[in-house]
PDB file of N, CA and C in Angstrom:
ATOM      1  N   MET A   1       1.054  -1.398   0.237  1.00  0.00           N
ATOM      2  CA  MET A   1       0.090   0.128   0.072  1.00  0.00           C
ATOM      3  C   MET A   1       1.035   1.316  -0.069  1.00  0.00           C
ATOM      4  N   PRO A   2       0.574   2.148  -0.927  1.00  0.00           N
ATOM      5  CA  PRO A   2       1.549   3.604  -0.967  1.00  0.00           C
ATOM      6  C   PRO A   2       1.454   4.246   0.558  1.00  0.00           C
ATOM      7  N   ILE A   3       2.200   5.135   0.679  1.00  0.00           N
ATOM      8  CA  ILE A   3       2.109   5.813   1.922  1.00  0.00           C
ATOM      9  C   ILE A   3       1.023   6.723   1.725  1.00  0.00           C
ATOM     10  N   ARG A   4       1.137   7.313   0.520  1.00  0.00           N
ATOM     11  CA  ARG A   4      -0.180   8.322   0.276  1.00  0.00           C
ATOM     12  C   ARG A   4      -1.489   7.904   0.641  1.00  0.00           C
ATOM     13  N   SER A   5      -1.724   6.528   0.136  1.00  0.00           N
ATOM     14  CA  SER A   5      -3.143   6.037   0.328  1.00  0.00           C
ATOM     15  C   SER A   5      -3.368   5.760   1.935  1.00  0.00           C
ATOM     16  N   PHE A   6      -2.201   5.197   2.475  1.00  0.00           N
ATOM     17  CA  PHE A   6      -2.169   4.813   3.711  1.00  0.00           C
ATOM     18  C   PHE A   6      -2.751   6.280   4.813  1.00  0.00           C
ATOM     19  N   ARG A   7      -2.167   7.452   4.573  1.00  0.00           N
ATOM     20  CA  ARG A   7      -1.971   8.500   5.064  1.00  0.00           C
ATOM     21  C   ARG A   7      -3.662   9.315   4.866  1.00  0.00           C
ATOM     22  N   GLY A   8      -4.064   8.965   3.789  1.00  0.00           N
ATOM     23  CA  GLY A   8      -5.359   9.481   3.423  1.00  0.00           C
ATOM     24  C   GLY A   8      -6.487   8.649   4.155  1.00  0.00           C
ATOM     25  N   ASN A   9      -6.134   7.379   4.146  1.00  0.00           N
ATOM     26  CA  ASN A   9      -7.279   6.673   4.785  1.00  0.00           C
ATOM     27  C   ASN A   9      -7.374   7.010   6.525  1.00  0.00           C
ATOM     28  N   TRP A  10      -6.294   7.408   7.168  1.00  0.00           N
ATOM     29  CA  TRP A  10      -6.048   7.792   8.369  1.00  0.00           C
ATOM     30  C   TRP A  10      -6.864   8.991   8.692  1.00  0.00           C
ATOM     31  N   VAL A  11      -6.528  10.037   7.672  1.00  0.00           N
ATOM     32  CA  VAL A  11      -7.246  11.290   7.463  1.00  0.00           C
ATOM     33  C   VAL A  11      -8.745  11.114   7.478  1.00  0.00           C
ATOM     34  N   ILE A  12      -9.290  10.230   6.766  1.00  0.00           N
ATOM     35  CA  ILE A  12     -10.865  10.290   6.584  1.00  0.00           C
ATOM     36  C   ILE A  12     -11.240   9.317   7.819  1.00  0.00           C
ATOM     37  N   ALA A  13     -10.354   8.545   8.442  1.00  0.00           N
ATOM     38  CA  ALA A  13     -10.962   7.691   9.476  1.00  0.00           C
ATOM     39  C   ALA A  13     -11.077   8.813  11.078  1.00  0.00           C
ATOM     40  N   LEU A  14      -9.966   9.608  10.961  1.00  0.00           N
ATOM     41  CA  LEU A  14     -10.150  10.786  12.078  1.00  0.00           C
ATOM     42  C   LEU A  14     -11.439  11.864  11.814  1.00  0.00           C
ATOM     43  N   LEU A  15     -11.299  12.298  10.469  1.00  0.00           N
ATOM     44  CA  LEU A  15     -12.423  13.264  10.453  1.00  0.00           C
ATOM     45  C   LEU A  15     -14.058  12.569  10.716  1.00  0.00           C
ATOM     46  N   SER A  16     -14.126  11.327  10.237  1.00  0.00           N
ATOM     47  CA  SER A  16     -15.427  10.439  10.498  1.00  0.00           C
ATOM     48  C   SER A  16     -15.619  10.431  12.330  1.00  0.00           C
ATOM     49  N   LEU A  17     -14.411  10.190  12.857  1.00  0.00           N
ATOM     50  CA  LEU A  17     -14.447  10.078  14.418  1.00  0.00           C
ATOM     51  C   LEU A  17     -15.057  11.316  14.823  1.00  0.00           C
ATOM     52  N   GLY A  18     -14.352  12.439  14.252  1.00  0.00           N
ATOM     53  CA  GLY A  18     -14.650  13.822  14.788  1.00  0.00           C
ATOM     54  C   GLY A  18     -16.275  14.177  14.376  1.00  0.00           C
ATOM     55  N   VAL A  19     -16.918  13.714  13.433  1.00  0.00           N
ATOM     56  CA  VAL A  19     -18.152  13.681  12.648  1.00  0.00           C
ATOM     57  C   VAL A  19     -19.123  13.254  14.028  1.00  0.00           C
ATOM     58  N   LEU A  20     -18.741  11.987  14.191  1.00  0.00           N
ATOM     59  CA  LEU A  20     -19.402  11.100  15.103  1.00  0.00           C
ATOM     60  C   LEU A  20     -19.805  11.759  16.585  1.00  0.00           C
ATOM     61  N   THR A  21     -18.525  12.339  16.909  1.00  0.00           N
ATOM     62  CA  THR A  21     -18.422  12.716  18.379  1.00  0.00           C
ATOM     63  C   THR A  21     -19.090  13.792  18.559  1.00  0.00           C
ATOM     64  N   GLY A  22     -18.813  14.771  17.353  1.00  0.00           N
ATOM     65  CA  GLY A  22     -18.776  16.307  17.921  1.00  0.00           C
ATOM     66  C   GLY A  22     -20.033  17.057  17.363  1.00  0.00           C
ATOM     67  N   CYS A  23     -21.066  16.627  17.104  1.00  0.00           N
ATOM     68  CA  CYS A  23     -21.913  17.088  16.244  1.00  0.00           C
ATOM     69  C   CYS A  23     -23.469  17.353  17.054  1.00  0.00           C
ATOM     70  N   GLY A  24     -23.218  17.481  18.161  1.00  0.00           N
ATOM     71  CA  GLY A  24     -24.348  17.704  19.022  1.00  0.00           C
ATOM     72  C   GLY A  24     -25.061  16.512  19.439  1.00  0.00           C
ATOM     73  N   GLY A  25     -24.362  15.388  19.144  1.00  0.00           N
ATOM     74  CA  GLY A  25     -25.090  14.231  19.975  1.00  0.00           C
ATOM     75  C   GLY A  25     -24.953  13.991  21.197  1.00  0.00           C
ATOM     76  N   SER A  26     -23.997  14.697  21.904  1.00  0.00           N
ATOM     77  CA  SER A  26     -23.923  14.309  23.441  1.00  0.00           C
ATOM     78  C   SER A  26     -23.824  15.874  23.988  1.00  0.00           C
ATOM     79  N   VAL A  27     -24.542  16.066  24.834  1.00  0.00           N
ATOM     80  CA  VAL A  27     -24.665  17.077  25.629  1.00  0.00           C
ATOM     81  C   VAL A  27     -24.452  16.960  27.227  1.00  0.00           C
ATOM     82  N   GLY A  28     -23.848  17.900  27.730  1.00  0.00           N
ATOM     83  CA  GLY A  28     -23.466  17.810  29.345  1.00  0.00           C
ATOM     84  C   GLY A  28     -23.154  18.722  29.922  1.00  0.00           C
ATOM     85  N   GLN A  29     -22.741  18.864  31.033  1.00  0.00           N
ATOM     86  CA  GLN A  29     -22.238  20.212  31.864  1.00  0.00           C
ATOM     87  C   GLN A  29     -21.326  20.593  31.584  1.00  0.00           C
ATOM     88  N   SER A  30     -20.297  20.179  30.761  1.00  0.00           N
ATOM     89  CA  SER A  30     -19.070  21.160  30.152  1.00  0.00           C
ATOM     90  C   SER A  30     -19.290  22.000  29.330  1.00  0.00           C
ATOM     91  N   GLU A  31     -20.321  21.215  28.249  1.00  0.00           N
ATOM     92  CA  GLU A  31     -20.947  22.056  27.361  1.00  0.00           C
ATOM     93  C   GLU A  31     -21.987  23.397  27.696  1.00  0.00           C
ATOM     94  N   PHE A  32     -22.868  22.865  28.906  1.00  0.00           N
ATOM     95  CA  PHE A  32     -23.492  23.698  29.403  1.00  0.00           C
ATOM     96  C   PHE A  32     -22.727  25.091  30.055  1.00  0.00           C
ATOM     97  N   GLU A  33     -21.416  24.775  31.040  1.00  0.00           N
ATOM     98  CA  GLU A  33     -21.079  25.634  31.424  1.00  0.00           C
ATOM     99  C   GLU A  33     -20.359  26.481  30.331  1.00  0.00           C
ATOM    100  N   ARG A  34     -20.222  26.364  28.811  1.00  0.00           N
ATOM    101  CA  ARG A  34     -19.620  27.214  28.097  1.00  0.00           C
ATOM    102  C   ARG A  34     -20.405  28.197  27.383  1.00  0.00           C
ATOM    103  N   LEU A  35     -21.683  27.939  27.774  1.00  0.00           N
ATOM    104  CA  LEU A  35     -22.842  28.876  26.863  1.00  0.00           C
ATOM    105  C   LEU A  35     -23.243  29.833  27.949  1.00  0.00           C
ATOM    106  N   LYS A  36     -23.385  31.108  27.496  1.00  0.00           N
ATOM    107  CA  LYS A  36     -23.555  32.207  28.031  1.00  0.00           C
ATOM    108  C   LYS A  36     -24.905  33.099  27.561  1.00  0.00           C
ATOM    109  N   VAL A  37     -25.498  33.700  28.393  1.00  0.00           N
ATOM    110  CA  VAL A  37     -26.785  34.644  28.062  1.00  0.00           C
ATOM    111  C   VAL A  37     -26.065  35.799  26.888  1.00  0.00           C
ATOM    112  N   GLY A  38     -26.604  36.007  26.113  1.00  0.00           N
ATOM    113  CA  GLY A  38     -26.125  37.260  25.146  1.00  0.00           C
ATOM    114  C   GLY A  38     -25.399  36.481  23.785  1.00  0.00           C
ATOM    115  N   MET A  39     -24.889  34.984  23.732  1.00  0.00           N
ATOM    116  CA  MET A  39     -24.523  34.526  22.683  1.00  0.00           C
ATOM    117  C   MET A  39     -25.186  34.597  21.474  1.00  0.00           C
ATOM    118  N   THR A  40     -24.828  34.613  20.480  1.00  0.00           N
ATOM    119  CA  THR A  40     -25.536  34.360  19.137  1.00  0.00           C
ATOM    120  C   THR A  40     -25.537  32.924  19.009  1.00  0.00           C
ATOM    121  N   SER A  41     -26.616  32.568  17.965  1.00  0.00           N
ATOM    122  CA  SER A  41     -27.171  31.143  17.699  1.00  0.00           C
ATOM    123  C   SER A  41     -25.838  30.524  16.678  1.00  0.00           C
ATOM    124  N   GLN A  42     -25.043  31.487  16.062  1.00  0.00           N
ATOM    125  CA  GLN A  42     -23.790  30.787  15.573  1.00  0.00           C
ATOM    126  C   GLN A  42     -22.706  30.250  16.602  1.00  0.00           C
ATOM    127  N   GLU A  43     -22.625  31.335  17.711  1.00  0.00           N
ATOM    128  CA  GLU A  43     -21.791  30.973  18.979  1.00  0.00           C
ATOM    129  C   GLU A  43     -22.130  29.751  19.750  1.00  0.00           C
ATOM    130  N   VAL A  44     -23.320  29.730  19.947  1.00  0.00           N
ATOM    131  CA  VAL A  44     -24.326  28.550  20.558  1.00  0.00           C
ATOM    132  C   VAL A  44     -23.905  27.336  19.681  1.00  0.00           C
ATOM    133  N   GLU A  45     -24.152  27.425  18.624  1.00  0.00           N
ATOM    134  CA  GLU A  45     -23.995  25.999  17.721  1.00  0.00           C
ATOM    135  C   GLU A  45     -22.416  25.613  17.464  1.00  0.00           C
ATOM    136  N   ARG A  46     -21.563  26.711  17.845  1.00  0.00           N
ATOM    137  CA  ARG A  46     -19.961  26.337  17.966  1.00  0.00           C
ATOM    138  C   ARG A  46     -20.093  25.414  19.106  1.00  0.00           C
ATOM    139  N   VAL A  47     -20.392  25.424  20.084  1.00  0.00           N
ATOM    140  CA  VAL A  47     -20.774  24.955  21.480  1.00  0.00           C
ATOM    141  C   VAL A  47     -21.076  23.358  21.297  1.00  0.00           C
ATOM    142  N   LEU A  48     -22.444  23.509  20.784  1.00  0.00           N
ATOM    143  CA  LEU A  48     -23.212  22.408  20.661  1.00  0.00           C
ATOM    144  C   LEU A  48     -23.367  21.582  19.455  1.00  0.00           C
ATOM    145  N   GLY A  49     -22.725  22.470  18.428  1.00  0.00           N
ATOM    146  CA  GLY A  49     -23.134  21.601  17.054  1.00  0.00           C
ATOM    147  C   GLY A  49     -24.507  21.939  16.605  1.00  0.00           C
ATOM    148  N   LYS A  50     -24.514  21.809  15.411  1.00  0.00           N
ATOM    149  CA  LYS A  50     -25.762  21.934  14.523  1.00  0.00           C
ATOM    150  C   LYS A  50     -26.645  20.985  14.811  1.00  0.00           C
ATOM    151  N   GLY A  51     -27.955  21.017  14.498  1.00  0.00           N
ATOM    152  CA  GLY A  51     -28.916  19.864  14.743  1.00  0.00           C
ATOM    153  C   GLY A  51     -29.883  20.087  15.685  1.00  0.00           C
ATOM    154  N   GLY A  52     -30.053  21.022  16.471  1.00  0.00           N
ATOM    155  CA  GLY A  52     -30.595  21.334  17.530  1.00  0.00           C
ATOM    156  C   GLY A  52     -32.038  21.545  16.906  1.00  0.00           C
ATOM    157  N   LYS A  53     -33.326  20.837  17.784  1.00  0.00           N
ATOM    158  CA  LYS A  53     -34.522  20.839  17.304  1.00  0.00           C
ATOM    159  C   LYS A  53     -35.276  21.891  17.847  1.00  0.00           C
ATOM    160  N   GLU A  54     -36.334  22.724  16.915  1.00  0.00           N
ATOM    161  CA  GLU A  54     -36.563  23.607  17.673  1.00  0.00           C
ATOM    162  C   GLU A  54     -37.993  23.166  18.362  1.00  0.00           C
ATOM    163  N   ILE A  55     -38.676  23.573  19.385  1.00  0.00           N
ATOM    164  CA  ILE A  55     -39.616  23.501  20.221  1.00  0.00           C
ATOM    165  C   ILE A  55     -40.710  24.544  19.948  1.00  0.00           C
ATOM    166  N   SER A  56     -42.030  23.912  20.354  1.00  0.00           N
ATOM    167  CA  SER A  56     -43.069  24.899  20.272  1.00  0.00           C
ATOM    168  C   SER A  56     -42.959  26.107  21.179  1.00  0.00           C
ATOM    169  N   GLN A  57     -43.812  27.074  20.677  1.00  0.00           N
ATOM    170  CA  GLN A  57     -44.011  28.337  21.456  1.00  0.00           C
ATOM    171  C   GLN A  57     -44.502  27.830  22.894  1.00  0.00           C
ATOM    172  N   ASP A  58     -45.433  27.069  23.084  1.00  0.00           N
ATOM    173  CA  ASP A  58     -45.950  26.697  24.224  1.00  0.00           C
ATOM    174  C   ASP A  58     -44.972  26.060  25.238  1.00  0.00           C
ATOM    175  N   GLU A  59     -44.099  25.436  24.795  1.00  0.00           N
ATOM    176  CA  GLU A  59     -42.975  24.557  25.448  1.00  0.00           C
ATOM    177  C   GLU A  59     -41.907  25.992  25.924  1.00  0.00           C
ATOM    178  N   VAL A  60     -41.835  26.623  25.066  1.00  0.00           N
ATOM    179  CA  VAL A  60     -41.023  28.198  25.487  1.00  0.00           C
ATOM    180  C   VAL A  60     -41.818  28.562  26.349  1.00  0.00           C
ATOM    181  N   ALA A  61     -42.783  29.249  26.468  1.00  0.00           N
ATOM    182  CA  ALA A  61     -43.618  29.726  27.542  1.00  0.00           C
ATOM    183  C   ALA A  61     -43.551  29.122  28.659  1.00  0.00           C
ATOM    184  N   ASP A  62     -43.870  27.579  28.806  1.00  0.00           N
ATOM    185  CA  ASP A  62     -43.612  26.740  29.855  1.00  0.00           C
ATOM    186  C   ASP A  62     -42.279  26.991  30.718  1.00  0.00           C
ATOM    187  N   LEU A  63     -41.134  26.777  29.832  1.00  0.00           N
ATOM    188  CA  LEU A  63     -39.963  26.947  30.387  1.00  0.00           C
ATOM    189  C   LEU A  63     -39.628  28.419  31.140  1.00  0.00           C
ATOM    190  N   ILE A  64     -40.451  29.558  30.360  1.00  0.00           N
ATOM    191  CA  ILE A  64     -39.988  30.816  30.757  1.00  0.00           C
ATOM    192  C   ILE A  64     -40.858  31.009  32.257  1.00  0.00           C
ATOM    193  N   ARG A  65     -42.328  30.458  32.064  1.00  0.00           N
ATOM    194  CA  ARG A  65     -42.816  30.435  33.349  1.00  0.00           C
ATOM    195  C   ARG A  65     -42.233  29.776  34.687  1.00  0.00           C
ATOM    196  N   GLN A  66     -42.017  28.613  34.413  1.00  0.00           N
ATOM    197  CA  GLN A  66     -41.116  27.729  35.102  1.00  0.00           C
ATOM    198  C   GLN A  66     -40.020  28.647  35.942  1.00  0.00           C
ATOM    199  N   ALA A  67     -38.991  29.194  34.916  1.00  0.00           N
ATOM    200  CA  ALA A  67     -37.908  29.975  35.289  1.00  0.00           C
ATOM    201  C   ALA A  67     -38.210  31.174  36.383  1.00  0.00           C
ATOM    202  N   LEU A  68     -39.135  31.706  35.890  1.00  0.00           N
ATOM    203  CA  LEU A  68     -39.710  33.104  36.673  1.00  0.00           C
ATOM    204  C   LEU A  68     -40.554  32.875  37.865  1.00  0.00           C
ATOM    205  N   THR A  69     -40.977  31.603  38.159  1.00  0.00           N
ATOM    206  CA  THR A  69     -41.838  31.193  39.085  1.00  0.00           C
ATOM    207  C   THR A  69     -41.225  31.191  40.571  1.00  0.00           C
ATOM    208  N   PRO A  70     -41.350  31.680  41.492  1.00  0.00           N
ATOM    209  CA  PRO A  70     -40.769  31.603  42.822  1.00  0.00           C
ATOM    210  C   PRO A  70     -40.982  30.177  43.478  1.00  0.00           C
ATOM    211  N   LYS A  71     -39.845  29.446  44.011  1.00  0.00           N
ATOM    212  CA  LYS A  71     -40.123  28.376  44.303  1.00  0.00           C
ATOM    213  C   LYS A  71     -39.868  28.548  45.776  1.00  0.00           C
ATOM    214  N   SER A  72     -40.321  27.665  46.434  1.00  0.00           N
ATOM    215  CA  SER A  72     -40.440  27.053  47.954  1.00  0.00           C
ATOM    216  C   SER A  72     -40.862  25.928  48.465  1.00  0.00           C
ATOM    217  N   GLY A  73     -40.573  25.786  49.254  1.00  0.00           N
ATOM    218  CA  GLY A  73     -40.728  24.311  50.240  1.00  0.00           C
ATOM    219  C   GLY A  73     -39.917  23.123  49.355  1.00  0.00           C
ATOM    220  N   PRO A  74     -40.104  22.083  50.351  1.00  0.00           N
ATOM    221  CA  PRO A  74     -39.256  20.815  49.709  1.00  0.00           C
ATOM    222  C   PRO A  74     -39.922  20.212  48.571  1.00  0.00           C
ATOM    223  N   ASP A  75     -41.058  20.556  47.885  1.00  0.00           N
ATOM    224  CA  ASP A  75     -41.467  20.201  46.931  1.00  0.00           C
ATOM    225  C   ASP A  75     -41.288  20.853  45.541  1.00  0.00           C
ATOM    226  N   GLY A  76     -40.717  22.313  45.853  1.00  0.00           N
ATOM    227  CA  GLY A  76     -39.966  23.246  44.821  1.00  0.00           C
ATOM    228  C   GLY A  76     -41.285  24.012  44.137  1.00  0.00           C
ATOM    229  N   LYS A  77     -42.433  23.973  44.335  1.00  0.00           N
ATOM    230  CA  LYS A  77     -43.542  24.392  43.976  1.00  0.00           C
ATOM    231  C   LYS A  77     -43.689  26.077  44.558  1.00  0.00           C
ATOM    232  N   ALA A  78     -44.475  26.739  43.609  1.00  0.00           N
ATOM    233  CA  ALA A  78     -44.687  28.231  44.155  1.00  0.00           C
ATOM    234  C   ALA A  78     -45.501  28.050  45.420  1.00  0.00           C
ATOM    235  N   PRO A  79     -45.311  29.056  46.167  1.00  0.00           N
ATOM    236  CA  PRO A  79     -46.246  29.084  47.569  1.00  0.00           C
ATOM    237  C   PRO A  79     -47.758  29.698  46.990  1.00  0.00           C
ATOM    238  N   ALA A  80     -48.471  28.954  47.714  1.00  0.00           N
ATOM    239  CA  ALA A  80     -50.029  29.377  47.694  1.00  0.00           C
ATOM    240  C   ALA A  80     -50.428  30.770  47.552  1.00  0.00           C
ATOM    241  N   ASN A  81     -49.837  31.709  48.167  1.00  0.00           N
ATOM    242  CA  ASN A  81     -49.822  33.161  48.190  1.00  0.00           C
ATOM    243  C   ASN A  81     -49.206  33.764  46.957  1.00  0.00           C
ATOM    244  N   ALA A  82     -48.400  33.308  46.444  1.00  0.00           N
ATOM    245  CA  ALA A  82     -47.502  34.099  45.242  1.00  0.00           C
ATOM    246  C   ALA A  82     -48.677  34.609  44.270  1.00  0.00           C
ATOM    247  N   PRO A  83     -48.036  35.787  44.023  1.00  0.00           N
ATOM    248  CA  PRO A  83     -48.686  36.486  42.769  1.00  0.00           C
ATOM    249  C   PRO A  83     -48.980  36.020  41.379  1.00  0.00           C
ATOM    250  N   LYS A  84     -49.912  36.445  40.790  1.00  0.00           N
ATOM    251  CA  LYS A  84     -50.060  35.627  39.356  1.00  0.00           C
ATOM    252  C   LYS A  84     -48.967  36.116  38.568  1.00  0.00           C
ATOM    253  N   LEU A  85     -48.219  35.263  37.869  1.00  0.00           N
ATOM    254  CA  LEU A  85     -46.984  35.483  37.126  1.00  0.00           C
ATOM    255  C   LEU A  85     -47.653  35.915  35.580  1.00  0.00           C
ATOM    256  N   GLU A  86     -47.304  37.294  35.273  1.00  0.00           N
ATOM    257  CA  GLU A  86     -47.435  37.743  34.105  1.00  0.00           C
ATOM    258  C   GLU A  86     -46.093  37.627  33.235  1.00  0.00           C
ATOM    259  N   LEU A  87     -46.140  36.709  31.785  1.00  0.00           N
ATOM    260  CA  LEU A  87     -45.068  36.429  31.546  1.00  0.00           C
ATOM    261  C   LEU A  87     -44.754  37.637  30.389  1.00  0.00           C
ATOM    262  N   PRO A  88     -43.361  37.886  29.916  1.00  0.00           N
ATOM    263  CA  PRO A  88     -43.178  38.871  29.369  1.00  0.00           C
ATOM    264  C   PRO A  88     -43.464  38.370  27.847  1.00  0.00           C
ATOM    265  N   ASP A  89     -43.492  39.806  26.929  1.00  0.00           N
ATOM    266  CA  ASP A  89     -43.606  39.492  25.692  1.00  0.00           C
ATOM    267  C   ASP A  89     -43.110  38.091  24.728  1.00  0.00           C
ATOM    268  N   LEU A  90     -43.317  37.115  24.395  1.00  0.00           N
ATOM    269  CA  LEU A  90     -42.504  35.726  23.971  1.00  0.00           C
ATOM    270  C   LEU A  90     -42.669  35.671  22.299  1.00  0.00           C
ATOM    271  N   SER A  91     -43.412  36.971  21.560  1.00  0.00           N
ATOM    272  CA  SER A  91     -43.520  36.730  20.386  1.00  0.00           C
ATOM    273  C   SER A  91     -42.335  36.609  19.360  1.00  0.00           C
ATOM    274  N   GLY A  92     -41.458  36.895  19.748  1.00  0.00           N
ATOM    275  CA  GLY A  92     -40.102  36.688  19.090  1.00  0.00           C
ATOM    276  C   GLY A  92     -39.065  35.788  19.407  1.00  0.00           C
ATOM    277  N   ALA A  93     -39.820  35.160  20.639  1.00  0.00           N
ATOM    278  CA  ALA A  93     -38.888  33.943  21.204  1.00  0.00           C
ATOM    279  C   ALA A  93     -38.758  32.937  20.295  1.00  0.00           C
ATOM    280  N   LYS A  94     -37.876  31.841  20.326  1.00  0.00           N
ATOM    281  CA  LYS A  94     -37.534  30.806  19.888  1.00  0.00           C
ATOM    282  C   LYS A  94     -36.798  30.101  20.579  1.00  0.00           C
ATOM    283  N   GLY A  95     -37.131  28.374  20.704  1.00  0.00           N
ATOM    284  CA  GLY A  95     -36.412  27.810  21.867  1.00  0.00           C
ATOM    285  C   GLY A  95     -35.634  26.588  20.858  1.00  0.00           C
ATOM    286  N   VAL A  96     -34.407  26.010  21.230  1.00  0.00           N
ATOM    287  CA  VAL A  96     -33.960  25.025  20.326  1.00  0.00           C
ATOM    288  C   VAL A  96     -33.254  24.184  21.483  1.00  0.00           C
ATOM    289  N   ARG A  97     -33.421  22.732  21.463  1.00  0.00           N
ATOM    290  CA  ARG A  97     -33.024  21.743  22.136  1.00  0.00           C
ATOM    291  C   ARG A  97     -31.925  20.952  21.682  1.00  0.00           C
ATOM    292  N   TRP A  98     -31.300  20.237  22.402  1.00  0.00           N
ATOM    293  CA  TRP A  98     -29.881  19.324  21.705  1.00  0.00           C
ATOM    294  C   TRP A  98     -30.050  18.222  22.768  1.00  0.00           C
ATOM    295  N   GLY A  99     -30.250  17.189  22.576  1.00  0.00           N
ATOM    296  CA  GLY A  99     -30.180  16.079  23.547  1.00  0.00           C
ATOM    297  C   GLY A  99     -31.049  15.304  23.083  1.00  0.00           C
ATOM    298  N   ASP A 100     -31.839  14.700  24.104  1.00  0.00           N
ATOM    299  CA  ASP A 100     -32.899  14.108  24.125  1.00  0.00           C
ATOM    300  C   ASP A 100     -33.950  13.987  25.420  1.00  0.00           C
ATOM    301  N   ASP A 101     -35.006  13.071  25.600  1.00  0.00           N
ATOM    302  CA  ASP A 101     -35.701  13.163  26.365  1.00  0.00           C
ATOM    303  C   ASP A 101     -35.442  13.323  27.877  1.00  0.00           C
ATOM    304  N   LYS A 102     -34.278  12.658  28.108  1.00  0.00           N
ATOM    305  CA  LYS A 102     -33.459  12.343  29.513  1.00  0.00           C
ATOM    306  C   LYS A 102     -32.426  13.438  29.616  1.00  0.00           C
ATOM    307  N   LYS A 103     -31.636  13.762  28.709  1.00  0.00           N
ATOM    308  CA  LYS A 103     -30.723  14.861  28.892  1.00  0.00           C
ATOM    309  C   LYS A 103     -30.500  15.768  28.109  1.00  0.00           C
ATOM    310  N   SER A 104     -30.651  17.047  28.220  1.00  0.00           N
ATOM    311  CA  SER A 104     -30.509  17.844  27.276  1.00  0.00           C
ATOM    312  C   SER A 104     -30.054  19.384  27.493  1.00  0.00           C
ATOM    313  N   ILE A 105     -30.030  20.472  26.368  1.00  0.00           N
ATOM    314  CA  ILE A 105     -29.754  21.723  26.890  1.00  0.00           C
ATOM    315  C   ILE A 105     -30.634  22.205  25.868  1.00  0.00           C
ATOM    316  N   THR A 106     -31.268  23.169  26.559  1.00  0.00           N
ATOM    317  CA  THR A 106     -32.471  24.156  25.515  1.00  0.00           C
ATOM    318  C   THR A 106     -32.050  25.799  25.867  1.00  0.00           C
ATOM    319  N   VAL A 107     -31.956  26.112  24.543  1.00  0.00           N
ATOM    320  CA  VAL A 107     -31.538  27.513  24.540  1.00  0.00           C
ATOM    321  C   VAL A 107     -32.863  28.082  24.014  1.00  0.00           C
ATOM    322  N   ILE A 108     -33.218  29.435  24.769  1.00  0.00           N
ATOM    323  CA  ILE A 108     -34.265  30.363  24.283  1.00  0.00           C
ATOM    324  C   ILE A 108     -33.565  31.409  23.791  1.00  0.00           C
ATOM    325  N   TYR A 109     -34.170  31.988  22.435  1.00  0.00           N
ATOM    326  CA  TYR A 109     -33.598  32.581  21.892  1.00  0.00           C
ATOM    327  C   TYR A 109     -34.640  34.385  21.976  1.00  0.00           C
ATOM    328  N   MET A 110     -33.939  35.244  21.831  1.00  0.00           N
ATOM    329  CA  MET A 110     -35.014  36.509  21.505  1.00  0.00           C
ATOM    330  C   MET A 110     -34.085  37.262  20.599  1.00  0.00           C
ATOM    331  N   GLY A 111     -34.770  37.295  19.499  1.00  0.00           N
ATOM    332  CA  GLY A 111     -33.897  37.736  17.945  1.00  0.00           C
ATOM    333  C   GLY A 111     -32.934  36.838  17.968  1.00  0.00           C
ATOM    334  N   ASP A 112     -31.661  36.820  17.719  1.00  0.00           N
ATOM    335  CA  ASP A 112     -30.655  36.005  17.362  1.00  0.00           C
ATOM    336  C   ASP A 112     -29.692  35.764  18.874  1.00  0.00           C
ATOM    337  N   ARG A 113     -30.172  36.242  19.800  1.00  0.00           N
ATOM    338  CA  ARG A 113     -29.177  36.249  21.053  1.00  0.00           C
ATOM    339  C   ARG A 113     -29.934  35.108  22.083  1.00  0.00           C
ATOM    340  N   ALA A 114     -29.200  34.322  22.719  1.00  0.00           N
ATOM    341  CA  ALA A 114     -29.666  33.742  23.843  1.00  0.00           C
ATOM    342  C   ALA A 114     -30.002  34.260  25.106  1.00  0.00           C
ATOM    343  N   SER A 115     -31.254  34.249  25.305  1.00  0.00           N
ATOM    344  CA  SER A 115     -31.679  34.809  26.463  1.00  0.00           C
ATOM    345  C   SER A 115     -31.870  34.010  27.816  1.00  0.00           C
ATOM    346  N   ARG A 116     -32.174  32.529  27.672  1.00  0.00           N
ATOM    347  CA  ARG A 116     -32.126  31.806  28.592  1.00  0.00           C
ATOM    348  C   ARG A 116     -31.783  30.546  28.235  1.00  0.00           C
ATOM    349  N   ILE A 117     -31.128  29.791  29.237  1.00  0.00           N
ATOM    350  CA  ILE A 117     -30.398  28.438  29.021  1.00  0.00           C
ATOM    351  C   ILE A 117     -30.828  27.425  30.008  1.00  0.00           C
ATOM    352  N   PHE A 118     -31.419  26.306  29.527  1.00  0.00           N
ATOM    353  CA  PHE A 118     -31.802  25.437  30.608  1.00  0.00           C
ATOM    354  C   PHE A 118     -31.331  24.059  30.067  1.00  0.00           C
ATOM    355  N   LYS A 119     -30.712  23.157  31.428  1.00  0.00           N
ATOM    356  CA  LYS A 119     -30.406  21.829  31.122  1.00  0.00           C
ATOM    357  C   LYS A 119     -31.350  20.811  31.899  1.00  0.00           C
ATOM    358  N   LYS A 120     -31.435  19.583  31.456  1.00  0.00           N
ATOM    359  CA  LYS A 120     -32.151  18.735  31.938  1.00  0.00           C
ATOM    360  C   LYS A 120     -31.191  17.426  32.073  1.00  0.00           C
ATOM    361  N   GLY A 121     -31.311  16.790  33.197  1.00  0.00           N
ATOM    362  CA  GLY A 121     -30.611  15.446  33.521  1.00  0.00           C
ATOM    363  C   GLY A 121     -29.346  15.351  33.632  1.00  0.00           C
ATOM    364  N   PHE A 122     -28.648  16.591  34.121  1.00  0.00           N
ATOM    365  CA  PHE A 122     -27.312  16.376  34.758  1.00  0.00           C
ATOM    366  C   PHE A 122     -27.065  17.414  35.626  1.00  0.00           C
TER     367      PHE A 122
END
């Protein structure tokens, strides 16, 4: 086997390995810690990879509601006397999720900037 062909096969194998391991297939605490509010969608994709799935507006609203609701007590629920929560205008919001039902990172964008970042399962 010529040297050139052998090197080419190694390059292809290494590139394939990078594609399999680095395209948003797995998310964890280290990726979550690299994300910051205010990042553009392109900056987020550099951390998590392309291929995030857009979530519904209802799910975006539910996540924002959970984030803004005061928690108390061992069950983590809002107190019974908590004021009624009014959500901000979410008409320009978009949510994108990387991962699966058990372990995921969800980014809520307002315009093209990350507004909220949620993790689940780690």
